[in-house]
Amino acid sequence: MLTFEIFVIVLAALVAFGLREPGTSVGPIWAVAGGGVLLCLVAAGLVRRPVGLWLGSLLQVLLIAAGLVVPAMYGVGGVFAVLWVVAILLGRRIDTERAERAALEDRLSA
């Protein structure tokens, strides 16, 4: 999920680049996009730990907030936020079911 968001961030930066006023600096656009990409990579690497989930959740909020600059990001960020929540919930469910299965297999093999 977080790696797909890298593409969304880069594409949103390109839109922001196209929407900027002529003569304004492009540095802040690419700095914010680069920070978002870096945050995605760090969160993806830490996603198995609670801090990774917190970083990923923060990223979802930031993507929605990017709608202040690129209005389409309200929708795109919202969709990714919903997908993020669903992924977390399903991941927890899968982890619980795996633990239950491992416990059952241990009891049966003993």
N, C-alpha and C. Protein backbone atom coordinates (compact mmCIF):
# COMPACT_ATOMS: atom_id res chain seq x y z
N MET A 1 0.83 -1.18 0.00
CA MET A 1 0.00 0.00 0.00
C MET A 1 0.88 1.26 0.00
N LEU A 2 1.85 1.26 0.89
CA LEU A 2 2.71 2.44 0.99
C LEU A 2 3.58 2.63 -0.24
N THR A 3 3.96 1.55 -0.88
CA THR A 3 4.78 1.71 -2.09
C THR A 3 3.95 2.26 -3.25
N PHE A 4 2.67 1.91 -3.30
CA PHE A 4 1.80 2.49 -4.33
C PHE A 4 1.62 3.99 -4.09
N GLU A 5 1.64 4.39 -2.83
CA GLU A 5 1.46 5.79 -2.51
C GLU A 5 2.65 6.64 -2.98
N ILE A 6 3.80 6.02 -3.16
CA ILE A 6 4.94 6.75 -3.71
C ILE A 6 4.58 7.29 -5.09
N PHE A 7 3.94 6.45 -5.90
CA PHE A 7 3.53 6.90 -7.23
C PHE A 7 2.50 8.02 -7.14
N VAL A 8 1.59 7.91 -6.19
CA VAL A 8 0.58 8.94 -6.00
C VAL A 8 1.25 10.27 -5.62
N ILE A 9 2.23 10.21 -4.74
CA ILE A 9 2.92 11.43 -4.31
C ILE A 9 3.65 12.08 -5.48
N VAL A 10 4.34 11.27 -6.26
CA VAL A 10 5.08 11.82 -7.40
C VAL A 10 4.11 12.43 -8.42
N LEU A 11 3.01 11.75 -8.68
CA LEU A 11 2.04 12.30 -9.63
C LEU A 11 1.38 13.57 -9.09
N ALA A 12 1.10 13.61 -7.79
CA ALA A 12 0.54 14.82 -7.19
C ALA A 12 1.54 15.98 -7.27
N ALA A 13 2.82 15.67 -7.10
CA ALA A 13 3.85 16.71 -7.22
C ALA A 13 3.90 17.26 -8.65
N LEU A 14 3.74 16.38 -9.62
CA LEU A 14 3.71 16.84 -11.01
C LEU A 14 2.51 17.74 -11.27
N VAL A 15 1.37 17.41 -10.68
CA VAL A 15 0.18 18.25 -10.82
C VAL A 15 0.42 19.60 -10.15
N ALA A 16 0.98 19.57 -8.93
CA ALA A 16 1.27 20.82 -8.22
C ALA A 16 2.27 21.66 -9.03
N PHE A 17 3.23 21.01 -9.65
CA PHE A 17 4.19 21.71 -10.50
C PHE A 17 3.47 22.40 -11.66
N GLY A 18 2.52 21.71 -12.25
CA GLY A 18 1.78 22.29 -13.37
C GLY A 18 0.82 23.39 -12.94
N LEU A 19 0.35 23.35 -11.70
CA LEU A 19 -0.60 24.35 -11.22
C LEU A 19 0.06 25.57 -10.59
N ARG A 20 1.37 25.52 -10.40
CA ARG A 20 2.04 26.63 -9.71
C ARG A 20 1.98 27.90 -10.54
N GLU A 21 2.07 29.00 -9.86
CA GLU A 21 2.10 30.30 -10.52
C GLU A 21 3.42 30.44 -11.29
N PRO A 22 3.38 31.00 -12.49
CA PRO A 22 4.63 31.19 -13.25
C PRO A 22 5.63 32.03 -12.45
N GLY A 23 6.85 31.59 -12.45
CA GLY A 23 7.91 32.32 -11.77
C GLY A 23 8.11 31.91 -10.33
N THR A 24 7.24 31.07 -9.78
CA THR A 24 7.43 30.63 -8.40
C THR A 24 8.40 29.45 -8.35
N SER A 25 9.01 29.28 -7.21
CA SER A 25 10.02 28.24 -7.05
C SER A 25 9.39 26.85 -7.03
N VAL A 26 10.08 25.91 -7.61
CA VAL A 26 9.61 24.52 -7.60
C VAL A 26 10.25 23.73 -6.46
N GLY A 27 11.21 24.33 -5.79
CA GLY A 27 11.91 23.65 -4.70
C GLY A 27 10.99 23.10 -3.62
N PRO A 28 10.07 23.92 -3.10
CA PRO A 28 9.18 23.41 -2.05
C PRO A 28 8.32 22.23 -2.51
N ILE A 29 7.89 22.25 -3.76
CA ILE A 29 7.07 21.14 -4.27
C ILE A 29 7.85 19.84 -4.21
N TRP A 30 9.06 19.86 -4.72
CA TRP A 30 9.86 18.63 -4.76
C TRP A 30 10.39 18.27 -3.39
N ALA A 31 10.60 19.24 -2.51
CA ALA A 31 11.04 18.94 -1.15
C ALA A 31 9.93 18.20 -0.38
N VAL A 32 8.71 18.69 -0.51
CA VAL A 32 7.58 18.04 0.17
C VAL A 32 7.34 16.66 -0.43
N ALA A 33 7.40 16.55 -1.75
CA ALA A 33 7.21 15.25 -2.40
C ALA A 33 8.32 14.28 -1.98
N GLY A 34 9.54 14.76 -1.96
CA GLY A 34 10.66 13.90 -1.54
C GLY A 34 10.51 13.45 -0.10
N GLY A 35 10.06 14.35 0.77
CA GLY A 35 9.80 13.97 2.16
C GLY A 35 8.70 12.93 2.26
N GLY A 36 7.67 13.09 1.46
CA GLY A 36 6.58 12.11 1.46
C GLY A 36 7.04 10.74 0.98
N VAL A 37 7.84 10.74 -0.07
CA VAL A 37 8.38 9.47 -0.60
C VAL A 37 9.27 8.81 0.46
N LEU A 38 10.11 9.61 1.12
CA LEU A 38 10.98 9.07 2.16
C LEU A 38 10.15 8.51 3.31
N LEU A 39 9.11 9.23 3.70
CA LEU A 39 8.23 8.75 4.77
C LEU A 39 7.56 7.43 4.37
N CYS A 40 7.16 7.32 3.12
CA CYS A 40 6.57 6.06 2.62
C CYS A 40 7.56 4.91 2.73
N LEU A 41 8.78 5.15 2.32
CA LEU A 41 9.79 4.10 2.36
C LEU A 41 10.11 3.67 3.78
N VAL A 42 10.24 4.64 4.68
CA VAL A 42 10.54 4.32 6.08
C VAL A 42 9.36 3.56 6.71
N ALA A 43 8.15 4.05 6.49
CA ALA A 43 6.97 3.39 7.05
C ALA A 43 6.81 1.99 6.49
N ALA A 44 7.09 1.80 5.19
CA ALA A 44 6.99 0.47 4.59
C ALA A 44 8.01 -0.48 5.21
N GLY A 45 9.18 0.03 5.53
CA GLY A 45 10.20 -0.80 6.16
C GLY A 45 9.88 -1.15 7.60
N LEU A 46 9.11 -0.30 8.26
CA LEU A 46 8.78 -0.51 9.67
C LEU A 46 7.35 -0.99 9.89
N VAL A 47 6.65 -1.37 8.84
CA VAL A 47 5.22 -1.66 8.94
C VAL A 47 4.91 -2.83 9.89
N ARG A 48 5.85 -3.68 10.16
CA ARG A 48 5.60 -4.80 11.07
C ARG A 48 5.69 -4.37 12.53
N ARG A 49 6.12 -3.15 12.77
CA ARG A 49 6.22 -2.61 14.12
C ARG A 49 5.15 -1.54 14.31
N PRO A 50 4.78 -1.27 15.54
CA PRO A 50 3.76 -0.23 15.77
C PRO A 50 4.15 1.14 15.23
N VAL A 51 5.42 1.49 15.29
CA VAL A 51 5.84 2.80 14.78
C VAL A 51 5.60 2.91 13.29
N GLY A 52 5.73 1.81 12.57
CA GLY A 52 5.46 1.82 11.13
C GLY A 52 4.00 2.07 10.84
N LEU A 53 3.13 1.49 11.66
CA LEU A 53 1.70 1.73 11.48
C LEU A 53 1.34 3.18 11.79
N TRP A 54 1.97 3.74 12.81
CA TRP A 54 1.73 5.15 13.14
C TRP A 54 2.23 6.06 12.02
N LEU A 55 3.42 5.78 11.50
CA LEU A 55 3.94 6.58 10.39
C LEU A 55 3.06 6.47 9.15
N GLY A 56 2.62 5.26 8.86
CA GLY A 56 1.73 5.06 7.73
C GLY A 56 0.41 5.80 7.90
N SER A 57 -0.11 5.80 9.12
CA SER A 57 -1.35 6.52 9.39
C SER A 57 -1.15 8.02 9.27
N LEU A 58 -0.01 8.51 9.76
CA LEU A 58 0.31 9.93 9.59
C LEU A 58 0.39 10.28 8.12
N LEU A 59 0.96 9.41 7.35
CA LEU A 59 1.07 9.63 5.91
C LEU A 59 -0.31 9.74 5.26
N GLN A 60 -1.25 8.94 5.72
CA GLN A 60 -2.61 9.02 5.16
C GLN A 60 -3.23 10.38 5.43
N VAL A 61 -3.02 10.89 6.64
CA VAL A 61 -3.53 12.22 6.98
C VAL A 61 -2.87 13.28 6.10
N LEU A 62 -1.56 13.15 5.90
CA LEU A 62 -0.84 14.12 5.07
C LEU A 62 -1.29 14.08 3.62
N LEU A 63 -1.60 12.88 3.13
CA LEU A 63 -2.08 12.77 1.75
C LEU A 63 -3.43 13.47 1.58
N ILE A 64 -4.30 13.31 2.56
CA ILE A 64 -5.59 13.99 2.50
C ILE A 64 -5.37 15.50 2.60
N ALA A 65 -4.46 15.92 3.47
CA ALA A 65 -4.17 17.34 3.63
C ALA A 65 -3.56 17.95 2.37
N ALA A 66 -2.95 17.11 1.54
CA ALA A 66 -2.38 17.61 0.28
C ALA A 66 -3.46 18.16 -0.63
N GLY A 67 -4.72 17.88 -0.31
CA GLY A 67 -5.83 18.43 -1.06
C GLY A 67 -5.90 19.95 -0.99
N LEU A 68 -5.22 20.52 -0.02
CA LEU A 68 -5.15 21.99 0.06
C LEU A 68 -4.41 22.56 -1.14
N VAL A 69 -3.47 21.80 -1.67
CA VAL A 69 -2.67 22.26 -2.81
C VAL A 69 -3.21 21.67 -4.11
N VAL A 70 -3.50 20.38 -4.09
CA VAL A 70 -4.04 19.68 -5.26
C VAL A 70 -5.39 19.10 -4.84
N PRO A 71 -6.48 19.77 -5.16
CA PRO A 71 -7.80 19.35 -4.66
C PRO A 71 -8.16 17.89 -4.91
N ALA A 72 -7.67 17.30 -5.96
CA ALA A 72 -7.96 15.90 -6.24
C ALA A 72 -7.41 14.98 -5.15
N MET A 73 -6.45 15.45 -4.39
CA MET A 73 -5.85 14.63 -3.35
C MET A 73 -6.81 14.37 -2.19
N TYR A 74 -7.84 15.19 -2.05
CA TYR A 74 -8.85 14.89 -1.04
C TYR A 74 -9.46 13.52 -1.33
N GLY A 75 -9.84 13.31 -2.56
CA GLY A 75 -10.44 12.03 -2.95
C GLY A 75 -9.44 10.90 -2.96
N VAL A 76 -8.29 11.13 -3.60
CA VAL A 76 -7.28 10.08 -3.71
C VAL A 76 -6.75 9.72 -2.33
N GLY A 77 -6.47 10.73 -1.52
CA GLY A 77 -6.00 10.47 -0.16
C GLY A 77 -7.04 9.75 0.67
N GLY A 78 -8.31 10.11 0.48
CA GLY A 78 -9.38 9.42 1.20
C GLY A 78 -9.48 7.96 0.83
N VAL A 79 -9.36 7.68 -0.45
CA VAL A 79 -9.41 6.28 -0.91
C VAL A 79 -8.25 5.49 -0.31
N PHE A 80 -7.06 6.06 -0.34
CA PHE A 80 -5.91 5.35 0.22
C PHE A 80 -6.02 5.21 1.73
N ALA A 81 -6.62 6.18 2.41
CA ALA A 81 -6.82 6.07 3.85
C ALA A 81 -7.77 4.92 4.17
N VAL A 82 -8.83 4.79 3.41
CA VAL A 82 -9.76 3.67 3.62
C VAL A 82 -9.05 2.34 3.35
N LEU A 83 -8.29 2.27 2.28
CA LEU A 83 -7.54 1.05 1.98
C LEU A 83 -6.53 0.73 3.08
N TRP A 84 -5.92 1.76 3.65
CA TRP A 84 -4.95 1.59 4.73
C TRP A 84 -5.63 0.97 5.96
N VAL A 85 -6.78 1.51 6.33
CA VAL A 85 -7.51 0.98 7.49
C VAL A 85 -7.94 -0.46 7.24
N VAL A 86 -8.46 -0.74 6.06
CA VAL A 86 -8.87 -2.10 5.72
C VAL A 86 -7.67 -3.05 5.77
N ALA A 87 -6.53 -2.61 5.25
CA ALA A 87 -5.33 -3.45 5.27
C ALA A 87 -4.89 -3.76 6.70
N ILE A 88 -4.95 -2.76 7.57
CA ILE A 88 -4.57 -2.99 8.97
C ILE A 88 -5.53 -3.97 9.63
N LEU A 89 -6.83 -3.77 9.43
CA LEU A 89 -7.82 -4.66 10.05
C LEU A 89 -7.70 -6.09 9.53
N LEU A 90 -7.55 -6.24 8.23
CA LEU A 90 -7.39 -7.59 7.68
C LEU A 90 -6.08 -8.23 8.12
N GLY A 91 -5.03 -7.42 8.21
CA GLY A 91 -3.74 -7.94 8.67
C GLY A 91 -3.82 -8.46 10.09
N ARG A 92 -4.51 -7.73 10.96
CA ARG A 92 -4.68 -8.19 12.34
C ARG A 92 -5.51 -9.47 12.38
N ARG A 93 -6.53 -9.53 11.57
CA ARG A 93 -7.37 -10.73 11.53
C ARG A 93 -6.56 -11.94 11.07
N ILE A 94 -5.75 -11.75 10.04
CA ILE A 94 -4.91 -12.85 9.55
C ILE A 94 -3.91 -13.28 10.61
N ASP A 95 -3.30 -12.31 11.31
CA ASP A 95 -2.35 -12.65 12.37
C ASP A 95 -3.02 -13.45 13.48
N THR A 96 -4.22 -13.05 13.86
CA THR A 96 -4.96 -13.77 14.90
C THR A 96 -5.28 -15.18 14.47
N GLU A 97 -5.75 -15.34 13.23
CA GLU A 97 -6.09 -16.67 12.74
C GLU A 97 -4.85 -17.56 12.62
N ARG A 98 -3.73 -16.99 12.24
CA ARG A 98 -2.49 -17.79 12.17
C ARG A 98 -2.06 -18.25 13.55
N ALA A 99 -2.18 -17.35 14.54
CA ALA A 99 -1.81 -17.73 15.90
C ALA A 99 -2.73 -18.82 16.43
N GLU A 100 -4.01 -18.71 16.15
CA GLU A 100 -4.96 -19.75 16.57
C GLU A 100 -4.64 -21.08 15.90
N ARG A 101 -4.31 -21.03 14.63
CA ARG A 101 -3.99 -22.27 13.91
C ARG A 101 -2.70 -22.90 14.45
N ALA A 102 -1.70 -22.07 14.72
CA ALA A 102 -0.43 -22.59 15.26
C ALA A 102 -0.66 -23.22 16.63
N ALA A 103 -1.49 -22.60 17.45
CA ALA A 103 -1.79 -23.16 18.77
C ALA A 103 -2.53 -24.49 18.63
N LEU A 104 -3.46 -24.56 17.72
CA LEU A 104 -4.19 -25.81 17.48
C LEU A 104 -3.27 -26.91 16.98
N GLU A 105 -2.37 -26.56 16.05
CA GLU A 105 -1.42 -27.56 15.55
C GLU A 105 -0.49 -28.04 16.64
N ASP A 106 -0.08 -27.13 17.53
CA ASP A 106 0.77 -27.53 18.64
C ASP A 106 0.06 -28.51 19.58
N ARG A 107 -1.23 -28.23 19.85
CA ARG A 107 -2.00 -29.11 20.72
C ARG A 107 -2.22 -30.47 20.07
N LEU A 108 -2.46 -30.49 18.76
CA LEU A 108 -2.70 -31.75 18.08
C LEU A 108 -1.43 -32.60 17.94
N SER A 109 -0.29 -31.94 17.81
CA SER A 109 0.95 -32.68 17.64
C SER A 109 1.53 -33.15 18.98
N ALA A 110 1.03 -32.62 20.07
CA ALA A 110 1.55 -32.99 21.39
C ALA A 110 0.95 -34.26 21.90
